[in-house]
N, C-alpha and C. Protein backbone atom coordinates (compact mmCIF):
# COMPACT_ATOMS: atom_id res chain seq x y z
N UNK A 1 22.44 27.36 9.53
CA UNK A 1 21.38 26.03 9.02
C UNK A 1 21.98 25.30 7.93
N UNK A 2 22.50 24.46 8.11
CA UNK A 2 23.17 23.07 7.30
C UNK A 2 21.90 23.13 5.85
N UNK A 3 22.23 21.68 5.14
CA UNK A 3 21.19 21.77 3.98
C UNK A 3 20.06 20.10 4.86
N UNK A 4 19.45 20.33 5.30
CA UNK A 4 19.02 19.77 6.14
C UNK A 4 17.88 19.12 5.35
N UNK A 5 17.40 17.84 5.06
CA UNK A 5 16.16 17.86 4.65
C UNK A 5 15.13 17.18 5.50
N UNK A 6 14.15 17.36 4.84
CA UNK A 6 12.97 17.16 5.75
C UNK A 6 12.14 15.67 5.44
N UNK A 7 12.13 15.17 7.02
CA UNK A 7 11.72 13.71 6.15
C UNK A 7 10.00 13.24 6.25
N UNK A 8 10.13 12.65 5.62
CA UNK A 8 8.52 13.10 5.59
C UNK A 8 7.91 11.50 5.85
N UNK A 9 6.62 11.47 6.90
CA UNK A 9 5.98 10.09 7.25
C UNK A 9 5.23 10.00 5.85
N UNK A 10 5.36 8.47 5.56
CA UNK A 10 4.56 7.99 4.22
C UNK A 10 3.63 7.11 5.11
N UNK A 11 2.30 6.19 4.43
CA UNK A 11 2.19 5.29 4.26
C UNK A 11 1.69 4.74 2.93
N UNK A 12 2.54 3.27 2.88
CA UNK A 12 2.35 2.64 1.42
C UNK A 12 1.62 1.08 1.71
N UNK A 13 0.84 0.79 0.30
CA UNK A 13 0.51 0.05 0.49
C UNK A 13 1.01 -1.26 -0.54
N UNK A 14 0.99 -2.06 -0.22
CA UNK A 14 1.81 -3.33 -1.39
C UNK A 14 0.89 -4.07 -1.05
N UNK A 15 0.77 -4.92 -2.32
CA UNK A 15 -0.20 -6.21 -2.82
C UNK A 15 -0.03 -6.87 -4.27
N UNK A 16 0.09 -8.16 -4.05
CA UNK A 16 0.35 -8.83 -5.17
C UNK A 16 -0.30 -10.41 -4.61
N UNK A 17 -0.74 -10.55 -6.43
CA UNK A 17 -1.18 -12.23 -6.29
C UNK A 17 -0.66 -13.03 -7.33
N UNK A 18 0.73 -12.58 -8.04
CA UNK A 18 1.08 -13.38 -8.91
C UNK A 18 2.70 -13.88 -8.13
N UNK A 19 2.82 -15.38 -8.70
CA UNK A 19 4.33 -15.64 -8.16
C UNK A 19 4.07 -15.91 -6.46
N UNK A 20 5.32 -16.07 -6.27
CA UNK A 20 5.29 -16.59 -4.49
C UNK A 20 5.17 -15.12 -4.18
N UNK A 21 3.95 -14.93 -3.37
CA UNK A 21 3.53 -13.28 -3.15
C UNK A 21 3.84 -13.18 -1.73
N UNK A 22 4.23 -13.53 -0.72
CA UNK A 22 4.84 -13.42 0.55
C UNK A 22 6.48 -13.07 0.14
N UNK A 23 6.83 -13.88 -0.79
CA UNK A 23 7.93 -13.65 -0.96
C UNK A 23 8.46 -11.96 -1.44
N UNK A 24 7.27 -12.06 -2.68
CA UNK A 24 7.61 -10.40 -3.25
C UNK A 24 7.35 -9.55 -2.43
N UNK A 25 6.36 -9.49 -1.32
CA UNK A 25 6.06 -8.34 -0.64
C UNK A 25 7.52 -8.44 0.27
N UNK A 26 8.23 -9.56 0.42
CA UNK A 26 9.12 -9.27 1.77
C UNK A 26 10.70 -8.34 0.79
N UNK A 27 10.10 -8.72 -0.70
CA UNK A 27 11.25 -8.44 -1.31
C UNK A 27 11.23 -6.73 -1.79
N UNK A 28 9.77 -6.56 -1.82
CA UNK A 28 9.85 -5.21 -2.55
C UNK A 28 9.90 -4.10 -1.53
N UNK A 29 10.11 -5.11 0.52
CA UNK A 29 9.99 -3.53 1.12
C UNK A 29 11.61 -3.75 1.26
N UNK A 30 12.34 -4.77 1.17
CA UNK A 30 13.85 -4.60 1.19
C UNK A 30 14.46 -3.92 0.14
N UNK A 31 13.90 -3.43 -1.29
CA UNK A 31 14.07 -2.92 -1.86
C UNK A 31 14.22 -1.41 -1.79
N UNK A 32 12.96 -0.91 -1.46
CA UNK A 32 11.97 -0.01 -1.00
C UNK A 32 12.88 0.68 0.52
N UNK A 33 13.94 -0.18 1.35
CA UNK A 33 14.64 0.38 2.51
C UNK A 33 15.96 0.10 1.72
N UNK A 34 16.72 -0.31 0.27
CA UNK A 34 17.86 0.28 0.23
C UNK A 34 17.64 1.69 -0.76
N UNK A 35 16.74 1.67 -1.19
CA UNK A 35 16.02 2.91 -1.76
C UNK A 35 16.09 4.14 -1.05
N UNK A 36 15.96 4.17 0.67
CA UNK A 36 16.23 5.30 1.01
C UNK A 36 15.18 5.70 2.08
N UNK A 37 13.99 4.08 1.87
CA UNK A 37 12.86 4.64 2.90
C UNK A 37 13.33 3.17 4.16
N UNK A 38 13.19 4.17 5.25
CA UNK A 38 13.17 3.22 6.54
C UNK A 38 11.21 2.52 6.56
N UNK A 39 11.10 1.75 7.31
CA UNK A 39 10.06 1.20 7.95
C UNK A 39 10.08 1.22 9.07
N UNK A 40 9.24 1.66 9.90
CA UNK A 40 8.75 2.35 10.98
C UNK A 40 8.07 1.60 11.55
N UNK A 41 6.42 0.98 10.81
CA UNK A 41 6.08 -0.32 11.29
C UNK A 41 5.60 -0.71 10.01
N UNK A 42 5.14 -2.10 10.38
CA UNK A 42 4.56 -2.99 9.16
C UNK A 42 3.33 -3.32 9.54
N UNK A 43 2.14 -3.67 8.93
CA UNK A 43 0.73 -4.56 9.18
C UNK A 43 1.25 -5.86 9.28
N UNK A 44 0.27 -6.90 9.79
CA UNK A 44 0.36 -7.97 9.21
C UNK A 44 0.12 -7.85 8.05
N UNK A 45 0.17 -9.27 7.44
CA UNK A 45 0.02 -9.49 5.59
C UNK A 45 -1.19 -9.83 5.74
N UNK A 46 -2.14 -10.18 5.04
CA UNK A 46 -3.75 -10.33 4.89
C UNK A 46 -3.72 -10.51 3.51
N UNK A 47 -4.46 -12.13 3.06
CA UNK A 47 -4.82 -12.70 1.99
C UNK A 47 -6.52 -12.16 1.57
N UNK A 48 -6.37 -11.05 1.05
CA UNK A 48 -7.05 -10.67 0.67
C UNK A 48 -8.69 -10.75 -0.73
N UNK A 49 -9.56 -10.90 -0.92
CA UNK A 49 -10.11 -11.11 -2.14
C UNK A 49 -9.92 -9.91 -3.12
N UNK A 50 -9.55 -10.93 -4.53
CA UNK A 50 -9.94 -9.34 -5.58
C UNK A 50 -10.98 -8.62 -5.60
N UNK A 51 -10.21 -7.05 -5.82
CA UNK A 51 -11.60 -6.18 -6.07
C UNK A 51 -11.90 -5.43 -7.12
N UNK A 52 -12.77 -5.67 -8.18
CA UNK A 52 -12.86 -5.40 -9.68
C UNK A 52 -12.35 -5.91 -10.57
N UNK A 53 -12.02 -6.87 -10.76
CA UNK A 53 -11.71 -7.97 -11.57
C UNK A 53 -11.41 -9.04 -11.04
N UNK A 54 -12.84 -10.22 -11.92
CA UNK A 54 -12.88 -11.26 -11.00
C UNK A 54 -12.19 -12.50 -11.78
N UNK A 55 -12.14 -13.72 -11.28
CA UNK A 55 -11.36 -14.54 -11.81
C UNK A 55 -10.20 -14.79 -11.90
N UNK A 56 -9.40 -13.81 -10.45
CA UNK A 56 -7.87 -14.30 -10.80
C UNK A 56 -7.75 -14.53 -9.02
N UNK A 57 -6.20 -14.73 -8.82
CA UNK A 57 -6.18 -15.36 -7.77
C UNK A 57 -5.95 -14.39 -6.57
N UNK A 58 -6.53 -14.94 -5.41
CA UNK A 58 -6.07 -13.66 -4.06
C UNK A 58 -4.95 -13.20 -4.17
N UNK A 59 -5.01 -11.79 -3.74
CA UNK A 59 -4.09 -11.37 -3.30
C UNK A 59 -3.35 -11.80 -1.88
N UNK A 60 -2.55 -10.67 -1.48
CA UNK A 60 -1.19 -10.34 -0.13
C UNK A 60 -1.16 -9.38 -0.26
N UNK A 61 -1.95 -8.55 0.57
CA UNK A 61 -1.74 -7.14 1.19
C UNK A 61 -0.66 -6.37 2.38
N UNK A 62 0.12 -5.36 2.30
CA UNK A 62 0.84 -5.16 3.96
C UNK A 62 0.18 -3.53 3.58
N UNK A 63 0.55 -3.01 4.64
CA UNK A 63 0.85 -0.96 4.92
C UNK A 63 1.59 -1.50 5.69
N UNK A 64 2.61 -0.19 5.07
CA UNK A 64 3.56 -0.09 6.16
C UNK A 64 3.52 1.50 5.82
N UNK A 65 3.91 1.86 7.43
CA UNK A 65 4.33 3.14 7.72
C UNK A 65 5.81 3.54 7.57
N UNK A 66 6.28 4.62 6.71
CA UNK A 66 7.87 4.54 6.47
C UNK A 66 8.23 5.91 6.62
N UNK A 67 9.67 5.90 6.71
CA UNK A 67 10.01 7.52 6.80
C UNK A 67 11.04 7.58 5.78
N UNK A 68 11.38 8.82 5.00
CA UNK A 68 11.92 9.04 3.83
C UNK A 68 12.20 10.27 3.35
N UNK A 69 13.06 10.67 3.14
CA UNK A 69 14.12 12.24 2.72
C UNK A 69 13.09 12.03 1.26
N UNK A 70 12.68 11.74 0.85
CA UNK A 70 12.55 11.62 -0.07
C UNK A 70 11.01 12.50 -0.90
N UNK A 71 10.92 12.85 -1.91
CA UNK A 71 9.50 14.20 -1.80
C UNK A 71 8.43 12.90 -2.70
N UNK A 72 7.47 13.08 -2.52
CA UNK A 72 6.34 11.94 -2.85
C UNK A 72 6.53 11.43 -4.36
N UNK A 73 7.22 12.51 -5.58
CA UNK A 73 7.00 12.26 -6.93
C UNK A 73 8.53 11.39 -6.80
N UNK A 74 9.87 11.82 -6.10
CA UNK A 74 10.70 10.61 -5.96
C UNK A 74 10.51 9.30 -5.32
N UNK A 75 9.39 9.51 -4.11
CA UNK A 75 8.93 8.28 -3.79
C UNK A 75 8.30 7.30 -4.90
N UNK A 76 7.74 7.83 -5.34
CA UNK A 76 7.10 7.40 -6.15
C UNK A 76 7.63 6.72 -7.96
N UNK A 77 8.59 6.91 -7.97
CA UNK A 77 9.84 6.75 -9.25
C UNK A 77 10.52 5.47 -8.52
N UNK A 78 10.52 5.31 -6.96
CA UNK A 78 11.16 4.34 -6.31
C UNK A 78 10.07 3.36 -6.30
N UNK A 79 8.99 3.46 -6.17
CA UNK A 79 8.10 2.42 -5.94
C UNK A 79 7.93 1.55 -7.76
N UNK A 80 7.97 2.52 -8.43
CA UNK A 80 7.94 1.97 -9.63
C UNK A 80 9.11 1.02 -10.52
N UNK A 81 10.43 2.10 -9.59
CA UNK A 81 10.93 0.76 -10.19
C UNK A 81 11.47 -0.52 -9.04
N UNK A 82 10.77 -0.41 -7.55
CA UNK A 82 10.79 -1.86 -7.55
C UNK A 82 9.55 -2.49 -7.73
N UNK A 83 8.45 -1.79 -8.33
CA UNK A 83 7.26 -3.16 -9.14
C UNK A 83 8.44 -3.56 -10.17
N UNK A 84 9.21 -2.67 -11.16
CA UNK A 84 9.94 -3.27 -12.15
C UNK A 84 10.88 -4.15 -11.68
N UNK A 85 11.12 -3.86 -10.98
CA UNK A 85 12.90 -5.06 -10.83
C UNK A 85 11.32 -6.38 -10.09
N UNK A 86 10.18 -6.33 -9.68
CA UNK A 86 9.74 -7.76 -9.41
C UNK A 86 9.18 -7.76 -10.63
N UNK A 87 9.49 -7.46 -11.74
CA UNK A 87 8.73 -7.86 -13.11
C UNK A 87 7.10 -7.92 -12.73
N UNK A 88 6.41 -6.74 -12.59
CA UNK A 88 5.45 -6.25 -12.70
C UNK A 88 5.40 -5.63 -14.39
N UNK A 89 4.53 -6.22 -14.69
CA UNK A 89 4.18 -5.65 -15.98
C UNK A 89 2.84 -5.07 -16.13
N UNK A 90 3.01 -3.83 -16.81
CA UNK A 90 1.41 -3.03 -17.19
C UNK A 90 0.18 -3.88 -17.73
N UNK A 91 -0.63 -4.10 -17.22
CA UNK A 91 -1.75 -5.01 -17.59
C UNK A 91 -3.22 -4.19 -17.31
N UNK A 92 -4.10 -5.44 -16.93
CA UNK A 92 -5.57 -4.72 -17.25
C UNK A 92 -5.64 -3.78 -15.50
N UNK A 93 -6.38 -2.87 -15.51
CA UNK A 93 -6.42 -2.15 -14.26
C UNK A 93 -6.96 -3.08 -13.43
N UNK A 94 -6.67 -2.72 -11.97
CA UNK A 94 -6.98 -4.23 -10.82
C UNK A 94 -6.76 -5.77 -11.16
N UNK A 95 -6.24 -6.03 -12.84
CA UNK A 95 -5.54 -7.30 -13.24
C UNK A 95 -4.32 -7.80 -12.15
N UNK A 96 -4.46 -8.80 -12.61
CA UNK A 96 -3.31 -9.65 -11.59
C UNK A 96 -1.38 -9.08 -11.92
N UNK A 97 -0.96 -9.42 -10.45
CA UNK A 97 0.56 -8.25 -10.65
C UNK A 97 0.70 -9.14 -10.10
N UNK A 98 2.26 -8.99 -9.81
CA UNK A 98 3.16 -9.49 -8.98
C UNK A 98 3.52 -8.66 -8.02
N UNK A 99 3.55 -7.15 -7.93
CA UNK A 99 3.61 -6.16 -7.01
C UNK A 99 3.02 -5.21 -7.05
N UNK A 100 1.93 -4.77 -6.25
CA UNK A 100 1.32 -2.99 -6.48
C UNK A 100 2.17 -2.85 -5.18
N UNK A 101 2.33 -1.17 -5.28
CA UNK A 101 3.09 -0.16 -4.55
C UNK A 101 2.21 0.59 -4.65
N UNK A 102 1.93 1.36 -3.86
CA UNK A 102 0.38 2.90 -3.69
C UNK A 102 1.17 3.70 -2.96
N UNK A 103 1.11 4.70 -3.17
CA UNK A 103 1.17 6.29 -1.70
C UNK A 103 0.07 6.48 -1.15
N UNK A 104 -0.35 6.17 -0.02
CA UNK A 104 -1.74 6.18 0.42
C UNK A 104 -1.94 7.43 1.08
N UNK A 105 -0.84 8.15 2.35
CA UNK A 105 -0.58 8.73 2.42
C UNK A 105 0.65 9.79 2.31
N UNK A 106 0.84 10.99 2.48
CA UNK A 106 2.54 11.31 2.58
C UNK A 106 1.99 12.36 3.65
N UNK A 107 1.76 11.97 4.91
CA UNK A 107 2.04 13.25 6.15
C UNK A 107 0.53 13.71 6.17
N UNK A 108 0.61 15.54 6.36
CA UNK A 108 -0.41 15.86 5.56
C UNK A 108 -0.27 16.46 4.20
N UNK A 109 0.69 15.92 3.14
CA UNK A 109 0.55 16.16 2.50
C UNK A 109 -0.65 15.73 1.25
N UNK A 110 -1.11 16.85 0.37
CA UNK A 110 -2.25 16.71 -0.50
C UNK A 110 -1.69 16.88 -2.00
N UNK A 111 -1.71 15.98 -2.66
CA UNK A 111 -1.38 16.48 -3.86
C UNK A 111 -2.23 15.91 -5.14
N UNK A 112 -2.47 16.19 -5.95
CA UNK A 112 -3.47 16.12 -7.69
C UNK A 112 -2.76 16.46 -8.56
N UNK A 113 -2.16 15.29 -8.83
CA UNK A 113 -1.26 15.62 -10.40
C UNK A 113 -1.71 14.66 -11.48
N UNK A 114 -0.95 14.64 -12.66
CA UNK A 114 -1.20 13.80 -13.21
C UNK A 114 -0.83 12.27 -13.22
N UNK A 115 0.11 12.09 -12.87
CA UNK A 115 0.97 10.86 -12.30
C UNK A 115 0.59 10.50 -10.70
N UNK A 116 0.41 11.17 -9.48
CA UNK A 116 0.22 10.67 -8.56
C UNK A 116 -0.87 11.80 -7.63
N UNK A 117 -1.51 11.12 -6.87
CA UNK A 117 -3.05 11.69 -5.71
C UNK A 117 -2.51 10.85 -4.15
N UNK A 118 -2.42 12.24 -3.98
CA UNK A 118 -2.19 11.83 -2.30
C UNK A 118 -3.16 12.79 -1.90
N UNK A 119 -3.67 12.12 -0.48
CA UNK A 119 -4.24 10.83 -0.29
C UNK A 119 -4.45 10.20 -1.71
N UNK A 120 -4.38 8.88 -1.68
CA UNK A 120 -4.79 7.96 -2.59
C UNK A 120 -6.42 8.25 -2.86
N UNK A 121 -6.54 8.53 -3.29
CA UNK A 121 -8.27 8.41 -4.06
C UNK A 121 -9.58 7.84 -4.00
N UNK A 122 -8.68 6.36 -3.54
CA UNK A 122 -10.28 5.26 -3.36
C UNK A 122 -9.76 4.39 -1.82
N UNK A 123 -8.18 5.08 -1.46
CA UNK A 123 -8.22 4.25 0.27
C UNK A 123 -8.79 4.01 0.94
N UNK A 124 -10.12 4.72 1.17
CA UNK A 124 -11.13 5.09 1.89
C UNK A 124 -12.36 4.08 1.85
N UNK A 125 -12.51 3.41 0.42
CA UNK A 125 -13.09 2.79 -0.11
C UNK A 125 -12.66 1.06 0.05
N UNK A 126 -11.50 1.02 0.17
CA UNK A 126 -11.13 -0.39 0.05
C UNK A 126 -10.61 -0.89 1.35
N UNK A 127 -11.13 -2.25 1.88
CA UNK A 127 -11.33 -3.35 3.39
C UNK A 127 -9.75 -3.42 3.25
N UNK A 128 -9.11 -3.68 1.67
CA UNK A 128 -7.67 -4.61 1.83
C UNK A 128 -6.69 -3.09 2.27
N UNK A 129 -6.85 -1.99 2.29
CA UNK A 129 -6.32 -1.20 3.25
C UNK A 129 -6.68 -0.91 4.29
N UNK A 130 -7.61 -0.58 4.50
CA UNK A 130 -8.01 -0.04 5.98
C UNK A 130 -7.68 -0.68 6.66
N UNK A 131 -7.89 -2.48 6.67
CA UNK A 131 -7.94 -3.59 7.65
C UNK A 131 -6.51 -2.98 8.10
N UNK A 132 -5.59 -3.32 7.81
CA UNK A 132 -4.16 -3.62 7.84
C UNK A 132 -3.53 -2.16 8.08
N UNK A 133 -4.13 -1.09 8.02
CA UNK A 133 -3.72 0.04 7.93
C UNK A 133 -4.09 0.30 9.60
N UNK A 134 -5.47 -0.32 9.91
CA UNK A 134 -6.10 -0.35 11.18
C UNK A 134 -5.10 -0.82 12.25
N UNK A 135 -4.62 -1.82 12.13
CA UNK A 135 -3.49 -2.28 12.68
C UNK A 135 -2.13 -1.74 13.46
N UNK A 136 -1.82 -0.94 12.48
CA UNK A 136 -0.69 0.14 13.15
C UNK A 136 -1.13 1.60 13.26
N UNK A 137 -2.10 1.95 12.24
CA UNK A 137 -2.75 3.50 13.13
C UNK A 137 -3.49 3.56 13.42
N UNK A 138 -4.57 3.38 14.19
CA UNK A 138 -6.42 3.19 13.77
C UNK A 138 -6.93 5.15 13.90
N UNK A 139 -5.78 5.38 14.71
CA UNK A 139 -6.00 6.91 15.29
C UNK A 139 -5.49 8.30 14.04
N UNK A 140 -4.76 7.61 12.99
CA UNK A 140 -3.99 8.09 12.11
C UNK A 140 -5.79 9.06 11.34
N UNK A 141 -5.75 10.32 11.16
CA UNK A 141 -6.35 11.52 10.37
C UNK A 141 -5.91 11.24 9.17
N UNK A 142 -6.97 10.77 7.92
CA UNK A 142 -6.85 11.37 6.93
C UNK A 142 -6.80 12.74 6.53
N UNK A 143 -6.01 13.43 5.95
CA UNK A 143 -5.75 15.08 5.78
C UNK A 143 -6.95 15.74 4.92
N UNK A 144 -7.32 14.70 4.07
CA UNK A 144 -8.62 15.84 3.29
C UNK A 144 -9.84 15.49 3.69
N UNK A 145 -10.32 14.31 4.22
CA UNK A 145 -11.84 13.92 5.04
C UNK A 145 -12.07 14.04 6.38
N UNK A 146 -10.46 14.30 6.69
CA UNK A 146 -10.63 14.45 8.24
C UNK A 146 -11.08 13.47 9.18
N UNK A 147 -11.30 12.03 9.00
CA UNK A 147 -11.71 11.30 9.59
C UNK A 147 -10.49 10.13 10.04
N UNK A 148 -10.21 9.87 11.33
CA UNK A 148 -9.60 8.54 11.66
C UNK A 148 -9.64 7.30 10.77
N UNK A 149 -8.67 6.65 10.98
CA UNK A 149 -8.37 4.87 9.81
C UNK A 149 -9.40 4.32 10.57
N UNK A 150 -9.79 4.09 11.75
CA UNK A 150 -10.80 3.60 12.54
C UNK A 150 -12.04 3.76 11.68
N UNK A 151 -12.38 4.95 11.68
CA UNK A 151 -13.77 5.67 11.22
C UNK A 151 -13.54 5.08 9.97
N UNK A 152 -12.83 5.49 8.78
CA UNK A 152 -13.19 5.02 7.15
C UNK A 152 -13.43 3.44 7.45
N UNK A 153 -12.13 2.78 8.17
CA UNK A 153 -12.81 1.35 8.35
C UNK A 153 -14.20 1.09 8.38
N UNK A 154 -14.47 1.88 9.65
CA UNK A 154 -16.52 1.45 10.27
C UNK A 154 -17.30 1.45 9.03
N UNK A 155 -16.82 2.65 8.33
CA UNK A 155 -17.92 3.15 7.23
C UNK A 155 -17.74 2.66 6.18
N UNK A 156 -16.51 2.31 5.78
CA UNK A 156 -16.70 1.32 4.42
C UNK A 156 -17.25 0.47 4.07
N UNK A 157 -17.72 0.76 2.57
CA UNK A 157 -18.94 0.11 2.06
C UNK A 157 -18.36 -1.07 1.52
N UNK A 158 -17.18 -1.46 1.22
CA UNK A 158 -16.04 -2.24 1.07
C UNK A 158 -16.01 -3.47 1.80
N UNK A 159 -17.40 -4.74 1.41
CA UNK A 159 -17.48 -6.26 2.34
C UNK A 159 -16.33 -7.41 2.06
N UNK A 160 -15.50 -6.95 0.63
CA UNK A 160 -14.70 -8.11 0.66
C UNK A 160 -13.80 -8.94 1.80
N UNK A 161 -13.33 -10.24 1.32
CA UNK A 161 -12.36 -10.81 2.55
C UNK A 161 -11.18 -10.32 2.57
N UNK A 162 -11.38 -10.16 3.97
CA UNK A 162 -9.97 -9.89 4.03
C UNK A 162 -9.57 -10.38 5.29
N UNK A 163 -8.33 -11.31 5.30
CA UNK A 163 -8.14 -12.73 6.50
C UNK A 163 -6.32 -12.47 6.33
N UNK A 164 -5.70 -12.49 8.13
CA UNK A 164 -4.85 -12.73 8.42
C UNK A 164 -4.08 -13.82 7.50
N UNK A 165 -2.97 -13.49 6.89
CA UNK A 165 -2.55 -14.49 6.03
C UNK A 165 -2.02 -15.56 7.14
N UNK A 166 -2.19 -16.85 6.73
CA UNK A 166 -1.42 -17.95 8.11
C UNK A 166 -0.66 -18.69 6.94
N UNK A 167 0.24 -18.18 5.74
CA UNK A 167 0.82 -19.69 5.08
C UNK A 167 0.08 -20.49 3.82
N UNK A 168 -1.22 -20.39 4.17
CA UNK A 168 -1.79 -21.48 3.44
C UNK A 168 -1.73 -21.02 1.91
N UNK A 169 -2.41 -22.10 1.23
CA UNK A 169 -2.48 -22.02 -0.05
C UNK A 169 -3.18 -21.35 -0.78
N UNK A 170 -3.32 -20.55 -1.63
CA UNK A 170 -4.02 -19.30 -2.43
C UNK A 170 -5.39 -19.46 -2.30
N UNK A 171 -6.49 -18.79 -2.26
CA UNK A 171 -7.85 -19.37 -2.74
C UNK A 171 -8.20 -18.27 -3.65
N UNK A 172 -9.28 -18.73 -4.45
CA UNK A 172 -10.06 -18.45 -5.28
C UNK A 172 -11.59 -17.38 -4.90
N UNK A 173 -11.48 -16.21 -4.89
CA UNK A 173 -12.90 -15.90 -4.20
C UNK A 173 -14.34 -16.72 -4.64
């Protein structure tokens, strides 16, 4: 057999609340694709209430199901390079940003390292992740919690505003 690399199904969460929010999501997707990621499914874009850091503009969030031969650390490096290309600067945790790219799931892979934890440790607590993910993969099972996305969404304690984005002006919470 040849040197055939394994393609991994990942779920990525994208979001941002600074600059041209919708354009930043689209550009991030293009840069990810140039880096070796094939988008299989994309959720609708949602406008969401900021969580954990009050007084900032609303976010736009989207979830992508992607295929890639990159391993999780290499995909994380790609995600960070895309964030840098879109002028994300290190700031306050949960604070304003042009783009944020999180690896939510990596197939059934489970990893807990200093730079990467997969599945994302708070995805099951975030409406802005679960609502769009439910649109594209409601029956996907969390590899650690053993529950489907739909079940996680229904049990999620987060009740922050998550609305389909229709191109309107951004709101403050």
